[in-house]
């Protein structure tokens, strides 16, 4: 029999219930809210379990051996907070401590260093609690920092344990939210199975990707290994010889839709007309007459068509045309 008092058992049961309800509510938010709404609502729900004044969620990647912040969301902090932190980053002991123990929350008094003291005075922060988790596949690290002003009690050891237990669930919710954005985009597309989807940040750091999208990238950039995408990221359409990638801004992220280009899509409109006539069995002279071209021009187009399609006879051209139409 347990020697714990009924009051202690009741308190533990209540805390477990609060923890469970918080995690479930945040997962529901991840499934129901678009990317740009998820962070603020997640922070608001988290405050009910673990009080704090302000918060900062960020994602970093190793680029050329340096840890670079590539996306972030702040809560009850001004937009220039991250720039302020960057200016005193060299004096922030938090970075070293959390990277020494990934997955464990640490508490830092902002009076610890001159730079942190300046940051705390500027933004009315006395103490912070920070934790990072590292994705074993992408090697992206996500950090959550909660802040308390002098008006709130200091973070306790229990608060640290609570955030340590919460963080894997929060990171999973963020992943689910971004996956939701990909799935929502897929539902609006024609032929949604003939493509690969991914999400990246504004710096081109890949955050989530379907296996089909990775295969498309490797087909064009076989030596690419990530997490930095091998092409510039901007809203619009990127057309390459063997694939096309549509990029759509969604909040601070981009949803990427990759499709392999069929061999026929590599042909110019005139080359396609020649290929279609050639595949039907017409001779050079017949094609020249119907399209108003010189026979030598038709021969040149046929050579180009063979090269672009990777074939060397009329039967293969006809087969490709038939497959595309059927």
C-alpha atoms as a PDB file:
ATOM      1  CA  UNK A   1       0.000   0.000   0.000  1.00  0.00           C
ATOM      2  CA  UNK A   2       1.197   3.513  -0.766  1.00  0.00           C
ATOM      3  CA  UNK A   3       2.176   5.680   2.184  1.00  0.00           C
ATOM      4  CA  UNK A   4       1.159   8.873   0.331  1.00  0.00           C
ATOM      5  CA  UNK A   5      -1.577  10.918   1.928  1.00  0.00           C
ATOM      6  CA  UNK A   6      -4.951  11.166   0.206  1.00  0.00           C
ATOM      7  CA  UNK A   7      -4.359  14.889  -0.287  1.00  0.00           C
ATOM      8  CA  UNK A   8      -1.070  14.263  -2.104  1.00  0.00           C
ATOM      9  CA  UNK A   9      -2.619  11.552  -4.256  1.00  0.00           C
ATOM     10  CA  UNK A  10      -5.464  13.891  -5.175  1.00  0.00           C
ATOM     11  CA  UNK A  11      -2.984  16.630  -6.072  1.00  0.00           C
ATOM     12  CA  UNK A  12      -0.998  14.268  -8.297  1.00  0.00           C
ATOM     13  CA  UNK A  13      -4.165  13.067 -10.005  1.00  0.00           C
ATOM     14  CA  UNK A  14      -5.240  16.648 -10.649  1.00  0.00           C
ATOM     15  CA  UNK A  15      -1.831  17.587 -12.110  1.00  0.00           C
ATOM     16  CA  UNK A  16      -1.800  14.544 -14.378  1.00  0.00           C
ATOM     17  CA  UNK A  17      -5.267  15.453 -15.578  1.00  0.00           C
ATOM     18  CA  UNK A  18      -4.191  19.042 -16.302  1.00  0.00           C
ATOM     19  CA  UNK A  19      -1.103  17.810 -18.165  1.00  0.00           C
ATOM     20  CA  UNK A  20      -3.142  15.370 -20.251  1.00  0.00           C
ATOM     21  CA  UNK A  21      -5.819  17.939 -21.091  1.00  0.00           C
ATOM     22  CA  UNK A  22      -3.203  20.518 -22.087  1.00  0.00           C
ATOM     23  CA  UNK A  23      -1.434  18.093 -24.423  1.00  0.00           C
ATOM     24  CA  UNK A  24      -4.726  16.984 -25.984  1.00  0.00           C
ATOM     25  CA  UNK A  25      -5.915  20.561 -26.478  1.00  0.00           C
ATOM     26  CA  UNK A  26      -2.639  21.573 -28.138  1.00  0.00           C
ATOM     27  CA  UNK A  27      -2.761  18.564 -30.455  1.00  0.00           C
ATOM     28  CA  UNK A  28      -6.326  19.520 -31.399  1.00  0.00           C
ATOM     29  CA  UNK A  29      -5.157  23.048 -32.154  1.00  0.00           C
ATOM     30  CA  UNK A  30      -2.396  21.618 -34.352  1.00  0.00           C
ATOM     31  CA  UNK A  31      -4.985  19.709 -36.366  1.00  0.00           C
ATOM     32  CA  UNK A  32      -7.533  22.534 -36.572  1.00  0.00           C
ATOM     33  CA  UNK A  33      -5.570  25.776 -36.972  1.00  0.00           C
ATOM     34  CA  UNK A  34      -3.532  27.093 -39.894  1.00  0.00           C
ATOM     35  CA  UNK A  35       0.191  27.611 -39.298  1.00  0.00           C
ATOM     36  CA  UNK A  36      -0.078  31.356 -38.693  1.00  0.00           C
ATOM     37  CA  UNK A  37      -2.680  30.894 -35.912  1.00  0.00           C
ATOM     38  CA  UNK A  38      -1.251  27.870 -34.174  1.00  0.00           C
ATOM     39  CA  UNK A  39       1.620  29.438 -32.205  1.00  0.00           C
ATOM     40  CA  UNK A  40      -0.306  32.158 -30.347  1.00  0.00           C
ATOM     41  CA  UNK A  41      -3.131  29.799 -29.455  1.00  0.00           C
ATOM     42  CA  UNK A  42      -0.681  27.133 -28.324  1.00  0.00           C
ATOM     43  CA  UNK A  43       1.048  29.639 -26.033  1.00  0.00           C
ATOM     44  CA  UNK A  44      -2.267  30.756 -24.553  1.00  0.00           C
ATOM     45  CA  UNK A  45      -3.240  27.180 -23.783  1.00  0.00           C
ATOM     46  CA  UNK A  46       0.181  26.435 -22.299  1.00  0.00           C
ATOM     47  CA  UNK A  47      -0.073  29.410 -19.928  1.00  0.00           C
ATOM     48  CA  UNK A  48      -2.955  27.731 -18.084  1.00  0.00           C
ATOM     49  CA  UNK A  49      -0.682  24.846 -17.080  1.00  0.00           C
ATOM     50  CA  UNK A  50       2.663  26.617 -16.734  1.00  0.00           C
ATOM     51  CA  UNK A  51       2.345  30.372 -16.081  1.00  0.00           C
ATOM     52  CA  UNK A  52       4.667  32.758 -17.960  1.00  0.00           C
ATOM     53  CA  UNK A  53       4.509  36.295 -19.331  1.00  0.00           C
ATOM     54  CA  UNK A  54       6.234  35.934 -22.661  1.00  0.00           C
ATOM     55  CA  UNK A  55       7.568  33.187 -24.900  1.00  0.00           C
ATOM     56  CA  UNK A  56       9.788  32.496 -27.904  1.00  0.00           C
ATOM     57  CA  UNK A  57       9.723  29.417 -30.102  1.00  0.00           C
ATOM     58  CA  UNK A  58      12.545  29.071 -32.596  1.00  0.00           C
ATOM     59  CA  UNK A  59      14.049  26.617 -35.036  1.00  0.00           C
ATOM     60  CA  UNK A  60      17.751  26.455 -35.876  1.00  0.00           C
ATOM     61  CA  UNK A  61      19.930  24.540 -38.306  1.00  0.00           C
ATOM     62  CA  UNK A  62      23.610  23.812 -38.646  1.00  0.00           C
ATOM     63  CA  UNK A  63      24.788  25.730 -41.720  1.00  0.00           C
ATOM     64  CA  UNK A  64      28.508  25.653 -42.534  1.00  0.00           C
ATOM     65  CA  UNK A  65      29.228  24.511 -38.991  1.00  0.00           C
ATOM     66  CA  UNK A  66      27.334  27.394 -37.389  1.00  0.00           C
ATOM     67  CA  UNK A  67      24.006  27.216 -35.556  1.00  0.00           C
ATOM     68  CA  UNK A  68      21.684  29.653 -37.346  1.00  0.00           C
ATOM     69  CA  UNK A  69      18.216  30.718 -36.241  1.00  0.00           C
ATOM     70  CA  UNK A  70      15.908  30.286 -39.224  1.00  0.00           C
ATOM     71  CA  UNK A  71      12.344  30.652 -37.989  1.00  0.00           C
ATOM     72  CA  UNK A  72      10.757  31.906 -34.836  1.00  0.00           C
ATOM     73  CA  UNK A  73       7.511  32.991 -33.222  1.00  0.00           C
ATOM     74  CA  UNK A  74       7.281  35.321 -30.243  1.00  0.00           C
ATOM     75  CA  UNK A  75       4.416  35.705 -27.788  1.00  0.00           C
ATOM     76  CA  UNK A  76       3.786  38.971 -25.901  1.00  0.00           C
ATOM     77  CA  UNK A  77       7.157  40.228 -27.126  1.00  0.00           C
ATOM     78  CA  UNK A  78       7.827  42.971 -29.702  1.00  0.00           C
ATOM     79  CA  UNK A  79       8.855  42.029 -33.214  1.00  0.00           C
ATOM     80  CA  UNK A  80      12.391  43.345 -32.606  1.00  0.00           C
ATOM     81  CA  UNK A  81      13.012  41.041 -29.634  1.00  0.00           C
ATOM     82  CA  UNK A  82      14.939  38.478 -31.678  1.00  0.00           C
ATOM     83  CA  UNK A  83      17.163  41.225 -33.091  1.00  0.00           C
ATOM     84  CA  UNK A  84      17.793  42.477 -29.536  1.00  0.00           C
ATOM     85  CA  UNK A  85      18.758  38.967 -28.460  1.00  0.00           C
ATOM     86  CA  UNK A  86      21.043  38.575 -31.474  1.00  0.00           C
ATOM     87  CA  UNK A  87      22.909  41.702 -30.374  1.00  0.00           C
ATOM     88  CA  UNK A  88      23.818  40.109 -26.990  1.00  0.00           C
ATOM     89  CA  UNK A  89      23.968  36.491 -28.143  1.00  0.00           C
ATOM     90  CA  UNK A  90      27.704  36.288 -27.380  1.00  0.00           C
ATOM     91  CA  UNK A  91      26.877  37.028 -23.724  1.00  0.00           C
ATOM     92  CA  UNK A  92      23.985  34.569 -23.343  1.00  0.00           C
ATOM     93  CA  UNK A  93      24.933  31.534 -21.274  1.00  0.00           C
ATOM     94  CA  UNK A  94      21.614  29.872 -22.114  1.00  0.00           C
ATOM     95  CA  UNK A  95      22.782  28.605 -25.502  1.00  0.00           C
ATOM     96  CA  UNK A  96      25.699  26.642 -24.088  1.00  0.00           C
ATOM     97  CA  UNK A  97      23.693  25.186 -21.213  1.00  0.00           C
ATOM     98  CA  UNK A  98      20.725  23.922 -23.234  1.00  0.00           C
ATOM     99  CA  UNK A  99      22.947  22.432 -25.948  1.00  0.00           C
ATOM    100  CA  UNK A 100      24.935  20.639 -23.264  1.00  0.00           C
ATOM    101  CA  UNK A 101      21.735  18.856 -22.178  1.00  0.00           C
ATOM    102  CA  UNK A 102      19.228  18.613 -25.054  1.00  0.00           C
ATOM    103  CA  UNK A 103      15.754  17.686 -23.898  1.00  0.00           C
ATOM    104  CA  UNK A 104      16.252  19.143 -20.397  1.00  0.00           C
ATOM    105  CA  UNK A 105      14.876  22.511 -19.321  1.00  0.00           C
ATOM    106  CA  UNK A 106      17.258  25.005 -17.722  1.00  0.00           C
ATOM    107  CA  UNK A 107      16.531  28.190 -15.772  1.00  0.00           C
ATOM    108  CA  UNK A 108      18.607  31.332 -16.264  1.00  0.00           C
ATOM    109  CA  UNK A 109      18.533  34.511 -14.177  1.00  0.00           C
ATOM    110  CA  UNK A 110      18.845  37.495 -16.500  1.00  0.00           C
ATOM    111  CA  UNK A 111      21.155  39.143 -14.010  1.00  0.00           C
ATOM    112  CA  UNK A 112      23.737  36.460 -14.861  1.00  0.00           C
ATOM    113  CA  UNK A 113      25.614  38.489 -17.490  1.00  0.00           C
ATOM    114  CA  UNK A 114      25.654  42.152 -18.575  1.00  0.00           C
ATOM    115  CA  UNK A 115      24.088  41.307 -21.926  1.00  0.00           C
ATOM    116  CA  UNK A 116      21.240  39.319 -20.398  1.00  0.00           C
ATOM    117  CA  UNK A 117      20.723  42.044 -17.799  1.00  0.00           C
ATOM    118  CA  UNK A 118      20.317  44.614 -20.575  1.00  0.00           C
ATOM    119  CA  UNK A 119      17.850  42.335 -22.361  1.00  0.00           C
ATOM    120  CA  UNK A 120      15.880  41.760 -19.171  1.00  0.00           C
ATOM    121  CA  UNK A 121      15.609  45.453 -18.351  1.00  0.00           C
ATOM    122  CA  UNK A 122      14.625  46.301 -21.925  1.00  0.00           C
ATOM    123  CA  UNK A 123      11.837  43.700 -22.032  1.00  0.00           C
ATOM    124  CA  UNK A 124      10.841  43.449 -18.342  1.00  0.00           C
ATOM    125  CA  UNK A 125      12.166  39.916 -17.852  1.00  0.00           C
ATOM    126  CA  UNK A 126      13.723  38.601 -14.652  1.00  0.00           C
ATOM    127  CA  UNK A 127      14.114  34.935 -15.468  1.00  0.00           C
ATOM    128  CA  UNK A 128      13.821  32.508 -18.349  1.00  0.00           C
ATOM    129  CA  UNK A 129      13.382  28.773 -18.730  1.00  0.00           C
ATOM    130  CA  UNK A 130      14.608  27.229 -21.965  1.00  0.00           C
ATOM    131  CA  UNK A 131      14.706  23.787 -23.571  1.00  0.00           C
ATOM    132  CA  UNK A 132      15.787  22.428 -26.960  1.00  0.00           C
ATOM    133  CA  UNK A 133      15.066  19.214 -28.820  1.00  0.00           C
ATOM    134  CA  UNK A 134      17.016  18.015 -31.863  1.00  0.00           C
ATOM    135  CA  UNK A 135      15.430  16.088 -34.725  1.00  0.00           C
ATOM    136  CA  UNK A 136      17.641  13.022 -35.312  1.00  0.00           C
ATOM    137  CA  UNK A 137      16.912  12.993 -39.068  1.00  0.00           C
ATOM    138  CA  UNK A 138      17.049  16.639 -40.152  1.00  0.00           C
ATOM    139  CA  UNK A 139      19.335  17.747 -37.275  1.00  0.00           C
ATOM    140  CA  UNK A 140      17.111  20.785 -36.894  1.00  0.00           C
ATOM    141  CA  UNK A 141      16.855  21.998 -33.314  1.00  0.00           C
ATOM    142  CA  UNK A 142      13.737  23.568 -31.863  1.00  0.00           C
ATOM    143  CA  UNK A 143      13.831  25.676 -28.744  1.00  0.00           C
ATOM    144  CA  UNK A 144      11.145  26.998 -26.457  1.00  0.00           C
ATOM    145  CA  UNK A 145      11.936  29.807 -24.032  1.00  0.00           C
ATOM    146  CA  UNK A 146       9.424  30.939 -21.427  1.00  0.00           C
ATOM    147  CA  UNK A 147       9.934  34.247 -19.621  1.00  0.00           C
ATOM    148  CA  UNK A 148       8.753  35.610 -16.286  1.00  0.00           C
ATOM    149  CA  UNK A 149       8.767  39.233 -15.219  1.00  0.00           C
ATOM    150  CA  UNK A 150       9.624  40.344 -11.662  1.00  0.00           C
ATOM    151  CA  UNK A 151       5.888  40.284 -10.892  1.00  0.00           C
ATOM    152  CA  UNK A 152       5.744  36.473 -11.179  1.00  0.00           C
ATOM    153  CA  UNK A 153       7.373  33.857  -8.897  1.00  0.00           C
ATOM    154  CA  UNK A 154      10.651  32.354 -10.041  1.00  0.00           C
ATOM    155  CA  UNK A 155      10.643  29.105 -11.974  1.00  0.00           C
ATOM    156  CA  UNK A 156      10.813  26.053  -9.718  1.00  0.00           C
ATOM    157  CA  UNK A 157      12.392  22.647 -10.129  1.00  0.00           C
ATOM    158  CA  UNK A 158       8.913  21.299 -10.750  1.00  0.00           C
ATOM    159  CA  UNK A 159       8.432  23.827 -13.572  1.00  0.00           C
ATOM    160  CA  UNK A 160      11.630  22.491 -15.161  1.00  0.00           C
ATOM    161  CA  UNK A 161      10.415  18.910 -14.965  1.00  0.00           C
ATOM    162  CA  UNK A 162       7.054  19.922 -16.344  1.00  0.00           C
ATOM    163  CA  UNK A 163       8.546  21.672 -19.380  1.00  0.00           C
ATOM    164  CA  UNK A 164      10.953  18.768 -19.931  1.00  0.00           C
ATOM    165  CA  UNK A 165       7.969  16.410 -20.128  1.00  0.00           C
ATOM    166  CA  UNK A 166       5.930  18.785 -22.260  1.00  0.00           C
ATOM    167  CA  UNK A 167       8.492  19.658 -24.910  1.00  0.00           C
ATOM    168  CA  UNK A 168       8.358  16.418 -26.954  1.00  0.00           C
ATOM    169  CA  UNK A 169       4.583  16.816 -27.181  1.00  0.00           C
ATOM    170  CA  UNK A 170       4.884  20.467 -28.230  1.00  0.00           C
ATOM    171  CA  UNK A 171       7.458  19.627 -30.904  1.00  0.00           C
ATOM    172  CA  UNK A 172       5.211  16.844 -32.190  1.00  0.00           C
ATOM    173  CA  UNK A 173       2.258  19.242 -32.310  1.00  0.00           C
ATOM    174  CA  UNK A 174       4.305  21.704 -34.366  1.00  0.00           C
ATOM    175  CA  UNK A 175       5.227  18.922 -36.793  1.00  0.00           C
ATOM    176  CA  UNK A 176       1.603  17.822 -37.021  1.00  0.00           C
ATOM    177  CA  UNK A 177       0.501  21.386 -37.721  1.00  0.00           C
ATOM    178  CA  UNK A 178       2.913  21.690 -40.619  1.00  0.00           C
ATOM    179  CA  UNK A 179       1.924  18.271 -41.939  1.00  0.00           C
ATOM    180  CA  UNK A 180      -1.705  19.434 -41.769  1.00  0.00           C
ATOM    181  CA  UNK A 181      -0.794  22.382 -44.003  1.00  0.00           C
ATOM    182  CA  UNK A 182       0.734  19.971 -46.527  1.00  0.00           C
ATOM    183  CA  UNK A 183      -2.317  17.698 -46.486  1.00  0.00           C
ATOM    184  CA  UNK A 184      -4.706  20.633 -46.840  1.00  0.00           C
ATOM    185  CA  UNK A 185      -2.737  21.799 -49.862  1.00  0.00           C
ATOM    186  CA  UNK A 186      -2.779  18.277 -51.340  1.00  0.00           C
ATOM    187  CA  UNK A 187      -6.593  18.131 -51.182  1.00  0.00           C
ATOM    188  CA  UNK A 188      -6.855  21.164 -53.480  1.00  0.00           C
ATOM    189  CA  UNK A 189      -4.592  19.728 -56.175  1.00  0.00           C
ATOM    190  CA  UNK A 190      -5.394  17.843 -59.325  1.00  0.00           C
ATOM    191  CA  UNK A 191      -3.826  14.374 -59.412  1.00  0.00           C
ATOM    192  CA  UNK A 192      -2.581  14.696 -55.798  1.00  0.00           C
ATOM    193  CA  UNK A 193      -0.723  11.381 -55.876  1.00  0.00           C
ATOM    194  CA  UNK A 194       1.684  12.358 -58.670  1.00  0.00           C
ATOM    195  CA  UNK A 195       3.644  14.809 -56.573  1.00  0.00           C
ATOM    196  CA  UNK A 196       5.661  15.340 -53.405  1.00  0.00           C
ATOM    197  CA  UNK A 197       5.013  17.969 -50.735  1.00  0.00           C
ATOM    198  CA  UNK A 198       7.301  19.717 -48.272  1.00  0.00           C
ATOM    199  CA  UNK A 199       7.394  22.651 -45.848  1.00  0.00           C
ATOM    200  CA  UNK A 200      10.373  24.961 -45.454  1.00  0.00           C
ATOM    201  CA  UNK A 201      11.039  28.273 -43.754  1.00  0.00           C
ATOM    202  CA  UNK A 202      11.779  31.560 -45.504  1.00  0.00           C
ATOM    203  CA  UNK A 203      15.503  30.765 -45.539  1.00  0.00           C
ATOM    204  CA  UNK A 204      15.013  27.511 -47.436  1.00  0.00           C
ATOM    205  CA  UNK A 205      15.565  25.249 -44.419  1.00  0.00           C
ATOM    206  CA  UNK A 206      13.545  22.084 -44.996  1.00  0.00           C
ATOM    207  CA  UNK A 207      11.260  21.361 -42.052  1.00  0.00           C
ATOM    208  CA  UNK A 208       9.092  18.494 -43.252  1.00  0.00           C
ATOM    209  CA  UNK A 209       9.001  16.582 -46.505  1.00  0.00           C
ATOM    210  CA  UNK A 210       7.279  13.583 -47.993  1.00  0.00           C
ATOM    211  CA  UNK A 211       9.570  10.890 -49.328  1.00  0.00           C
ATOM    212  CA  UNK A 212       8.383  11.654 -52.859  1.00  0.00           C
ATOM    213  CA  UNK A 213       9.624  15.242 -52.569  1.00  0.00           C
ATOM    214  CA  UNK A 214      13.054  14.074 -51.388  1.00  0.00           C
ATOM    215  CA  UNK A 215      13.245  11.662 -54.328  1.00  0.00           C
ATOM    216  CA  UNK A 216      12.449  14.509 -56.728  1.00  0.00           C
ATOM    217  CA  UNK A 217      15.235  16.640 -55.277  1.00  0.00           C
ATOM    218  CA  UNK A 218      17.724  13.777 -55.531  1.00  0.00           C
ATOM    219  CA  UNK A 219      16.735  13.172 -59.148  1.00  0.00           C
ATOM    220  CA  UNK A 220      17.963  16.670 -60.022  1.00  0.00           C
ATOM    221  CA  UNK A 221      20.560  17.244 -57.277  1.00  0.00           C
ATOM    222  CA  UNK A 222      21.899  13.735 -56.501  1.00  0.00           C
ATOM    223  CA  UNK A 223      24.524  15.041 -54.038  1.00  0.00           C
ATOM    224  CA  UNK A 224      22.077  17.128 -52.010  1.00  0.00           C
ATOM    225  CA  UNK A 225      21.790  16.126 -48.348  1.00  0.00           C
ATOM    226  CA  UNK A 226      19.884  18.994 -46.656  1.00  0.00           C
ATOM    227  CA  UNK A 227      18.570  20.561 -44.553  1.00  0.00           C
ATOM    228  CA  UNK A 228      19.188  23.661 -46.731  1.00  0.00           C
ATOM    229  CA  UNK A 229      17.250  23.329 -49.973  1.00  0.00           C
ATOM    230  CA  UNK A 230      19.393  23.361 -53.130  1.00  0.00           C
ATOM    231  CA  UNK A 231      17.340  26.127 -54.802  1.00  0.00           C
ATOM    232  CA  UNK A 232      16.248  29.639 -53.782  1.00  0.00           C
ATOM    233  CA  UNK A 233      12.843  29.866 -52.116  1.00  0.00           C
ATOM    234  CA  UNK A 234      10.344  32.472 -53.255  1.00  0.00           C
ATOM    235  CA  UNK A 235       6.637  32.405 -53.989  1.00  0.00           C
ATOM    236  CA  UNK A 236       5.979  31.221 -57.515  1.00  0.00           C
ATOM    237  CA  UNK A 237       6.945  28.405 -59.859  1.00  0.00           C
ATOM    238  CA  UNK A 238      10.430  26.990 -60.405  1.00  0.00           C
ATOM    239  CA  UNK A 239      10.672  25.044 -63.684  1.00  0.00           C
ATOM    240  CA  UNK A 240      13.692  22.850 -64.334  1.00  0.00           C
ATOM    241  CA  UNK A 241      14.414  20.347 -67.071  1.00  0.00           C
ATOM    242  CA  UNK A 242      13.060  17.364 -65.146  1.00  0.00           C
ATOM    243  CA  UNK A 243      10.877  18.797 -62.389  1.00  0.00           C
ATOM    244  CA  UNK A 244       8.745  21.761 -61.404  1.00  0.00           C
ATOM    245  CA  UNK A 245       8.301  23.105 -57.873  1.00  0.00           C
ATOM    246  CA  UNK A 246       5.449  25.406 -56.898  1.00  0.00           C
ATOM    247  CA  UNK A 247       6.138  27.504 -53.793  1.00  0.00           C
ATOM    248  CA  UNK A 248       3.312  29.059 -51.763  1.00  0.00           C
ATOM    249  CA  UNK A 249       3.804  31.273 -48.703  1.00  0.00           C
ATOM    250  CA  UNK A 250       1.760  30.114 -45.687  1.00  0.00           C
ATOM    251  CA  UNK A 251       2.429  32.351 -42.707  1.00  0.00           C
ATOM    252  CA  UNK A 252       6.178  32.412 -42.104  1.00  0.00           C
ATOM    253  CA  UNK A 253       6.648  29.128 -43.989  1.00  0.00           C
ATOM    254  CA  UNK A 254       6.429  27.921 -47.568  1.00  0.00           C
ATOM    255  CA  UNK A 255       4.545  24.871 -48.785  1.00  0.00           C
ATOM    256  CA  UNK A 256       6.395  23.291 -51.715  1.00  0.00           C
ATOM    257  CA  UNK A 257       4.696  21.136 -54.353  1.00  0.00           C
ATOM    258  CA  UNK A 258       7.118  19.148 -56.469  1.00  0.00           C
ATOM    259  CA  UNK A 259       6.195  17.305 -59.650  1.00  0.00           C
ATOM    260  CA  UNK A 260       8.356  15.383 -62.061  1.00  0.00           C
ATOM    261  CA  UNK A 261       8.128  16.762 -65.570  1.00  0.00           C
ATOM    262  CA  UNK A 262       7.229  14.117 -68.126  1.00  0.00           C
ATOM    263  CA  UNK A 263       9.618  13.826 -71.076  1.00  0.00           C
ATOM    264  CA  UNK A 264       6.950  15.312 -73.352  1.00  0.00           C
ATOM    265  CA  UNK A 265       6.816  18.465 -71.194  1.00  0.00           C
ATOM    266  CA  UNK A 266      10.432  19.143 -72.174  1.00  0.00           C
ATOM    267  CA  UNK A 267       9.402  19.697 -75.789  1.00  0.00           C
ATOM    268  CA  UNK A 268       8.628  23.128 -77.203  1.00  0.00           C
ATOM    269  CA  UNK A 269       5.105  23.599 -78.635  1.00  0.00           C
ATOM    270  CA  UNK A 270       6.441  23.190 -82.202  1.00  0.00           C
ATOM    271  CA  UNK A 271       8.467  20.090 -81.257  1.00  0.00           C
ATOM    272  CA  UNK A 272       5.361  18.592 -79.660  1.00  0.00           C
ATOM    273  CA  UNK A 273       3.358  19.144 -82.847  1.00  0.00           C
ATOM    274  CA  UNK A 274       6.074  17.444 -84.889  1.00  0.00           C
ATOM    275  CA  UNK A 275       6.313  14.553 -82.380  1.00  0.00           C
ATOM    276  CA  UNK A 276       2.556  14.015 -82.430  1.00  0.00           C
ATOM    277  CA  UNK A 277       2.476  13.868 -86.246  1.00  0.00           C
ATOM    278  CA  UNK A 278       5.586  11.682 -86.347  1.00  0.00           C
ATOM    279  CA  UNK A 279       4.110   9.324 -83.758  1.00  0.00           C
ATOM    280  CA  UNK A 280       1.010   8.924 -85.934  1.00  0.00           C
ATOM    281  CA  UNK A 281       3.211   7.548 -88.709  1.00  0.00           C
ATOM    282  CA  UNK A 282       3.482  10.570 -90.955  1.00  0.00           C
ATOM    283  CA  UNK A 283       6.595  11.016 -93.101  1.00  0.00           C
ATOM    284  CA  UNK A 284       8.922  14.017 -92.962  1.00  0.00           C
ATOM    285  CA  UNK A 285       7.350  15.417 -96.123  1.00  0.00           C
ATOM    286  CA  UNK A 286       3.787  14.978 -94.792  1.00  0.00           C
ATOM    287  CA  UNK A 287       4.681  16.675 -91.510  1.00  0.00           C
ATOM    288  CA  UNK A 288       6.400  19.498 -93.387  1.00  0.00           C
ATOM    289  CA  UNK A 289       3.354  20.013 -95.589  1.00  0.00           C
ATOM    290  CA  UNK A 290       0.811  19.949 -92.724  1.00  0.00           C
ATOM    291  CA  UNK A 291       2.822  22.238 -90.429  1.00  0.00           C
ATOM    292  CA  UNK A 292       4.188  24.550 -93.116  1.00  0.00           C
ATOM    293  CA  UNK A 293       7.815  23.643 -92.449  1.00  0.00           C
ATOM    294  CA  UNK A 294      10.768  22.721 -94.634  1.00  0.00           C
ATOM    295  CA  UNK A 295      11.621  18.988 -94.608  1.00  0.00           C
ATOM    296  CA  UNK A 296      15.110  19.752 -93.260  1.00  0.00           C
ATOM    297  CA  UNK A 297      13.518  21.673 -90.376  1.00  0.00           C
ATOM    298  CA  UNK A 298      11.344  18.648 -89.589  1.00  0.00           C
ATOM    299  CA  UNK A 299      14.447  16.438 -89.559  1.00  0.00           C
ATOM    300  CA  UNK A 300      16.135  18.852 -87.139  1.00  0.00           C
ATOM    301  CA  UNK A 301      13.080  18.770 -84.863  1.00  0.00           C
ATOM    302  CA  UNK A 302      13.029  14.966 -84.916  1.00  0.00           C
ATOM    303  CA  UNK A 303      16.688  14.805 -83.842  1.00  0.00           C
ATOM    304  CA  UNK A 304      15.933  17.250 -80.989  1.00  0.00           C
ATOM    305  CA  UNK A 305      12.848  15.258 -79.974  1.00  0.00           C
ATOM    306  CA  UNK A 306      14.860  12.030 -79.822  1.00  0.00           C
ATOM    307  CA  UNK A 307      17.468  13.730 -77.628  1.00  0.00           C
ATOM    308  CA  UNK A 308      14.942  15.301 -75.254  1.00  0.00           C
ATOM    309  CA  UNK A 309      12.839  12.154 -74.921  1.00  0.00           C
ATOM    310  CA  UNK A 310      15.809   9.810 -74.665  1.00  0.00           C
ATOM    311  CA  UNK A 311      14.553   7.567 -77.500  1.00  0.00           C
ATOM    312  CA  UNK A 312      15.817   6.658 -80.941  1.00  0.00           C
ATOM    313  CA  UNK A 313      12.825   5.401 -82.944  1.00  0.00           C
ATOM    314  CA  UNK A 314       9.302   6.358 -83.992  1.00  0.00           C
ATOM    315  CA  UNK A 315       7.688   3.531 -81.979  1.00  0.00           C
ATOM    316  CA  UNK A 316       9.016   4.942 -78.655  1.00  0.00           C
ATOM    317  CA  UNK A 317       7.741   8.409 -79.542  1.00  0.00           C
ATOM    318  CA  UNK A 318       4.322   6.935 -80.285  1.00  0.00           C
ATOM    319  CA  UNK A 319       4.379   5.010 -76.989  1.00  0.00           C
ATOM    320  CA  UNK A 320       5.147   8.131 -74.962  1.00  0.00           C
ATOM    321  CA  UNK A 321       2.385  10.060 -76.674  1.00  0.00           C
ATOM    322  CA  UNK A 322      -0.100   7.241 -76.095  1.00  0.00           C
ATOM    323  CA  UNK A 323       0.874   6.932 -72.392  1.00  0.00           C
ATOM    324  CA  UNK A 324       0.438  10.679 -71.847  1.00  0.00           C
ATOM    325  CA  UNK A 325      -3.020  10.685 -73.429  1.00  0.00           C
ATOM    326  CA  UNK A 326      -4.237   7.584 -71.659  1.00  0.00           C
END
